[in-house]
């Protein structure tokens, strides 16, 4: 499946617009692959940012997988015009990643 932020795909023609599709995922930014950051590591700036980055990447990948799955359910083979929104839940360490695009059916030119 082709995923793109552009509204068209070079070398392909959009033959059918299936509709808006989303993928949403959320989790603690300090939790990666089931392992949480230790209390001691929270005071290390380097460890803090490493854990935050790994956590965000995992959440983002999960949201993209949900986007793909939802597009497949609509019988689409590509998603165009993708927008990514990353939000924090106030007063917590939870991140929410929302990915939205237009599910389409494409053919090769």
Foldseek 3Di string as FASTA:
>chain_A
DAEEQAPDDPQKDFPWWLFKFKFKFKDFLQAAPNDGDDPVLCPPPVSVVVSNVRSVVVRVVNRVVRRVVRLVVSVADYWYNKDWDWDDDPPGRMIMIMIMTIGTHMDGD
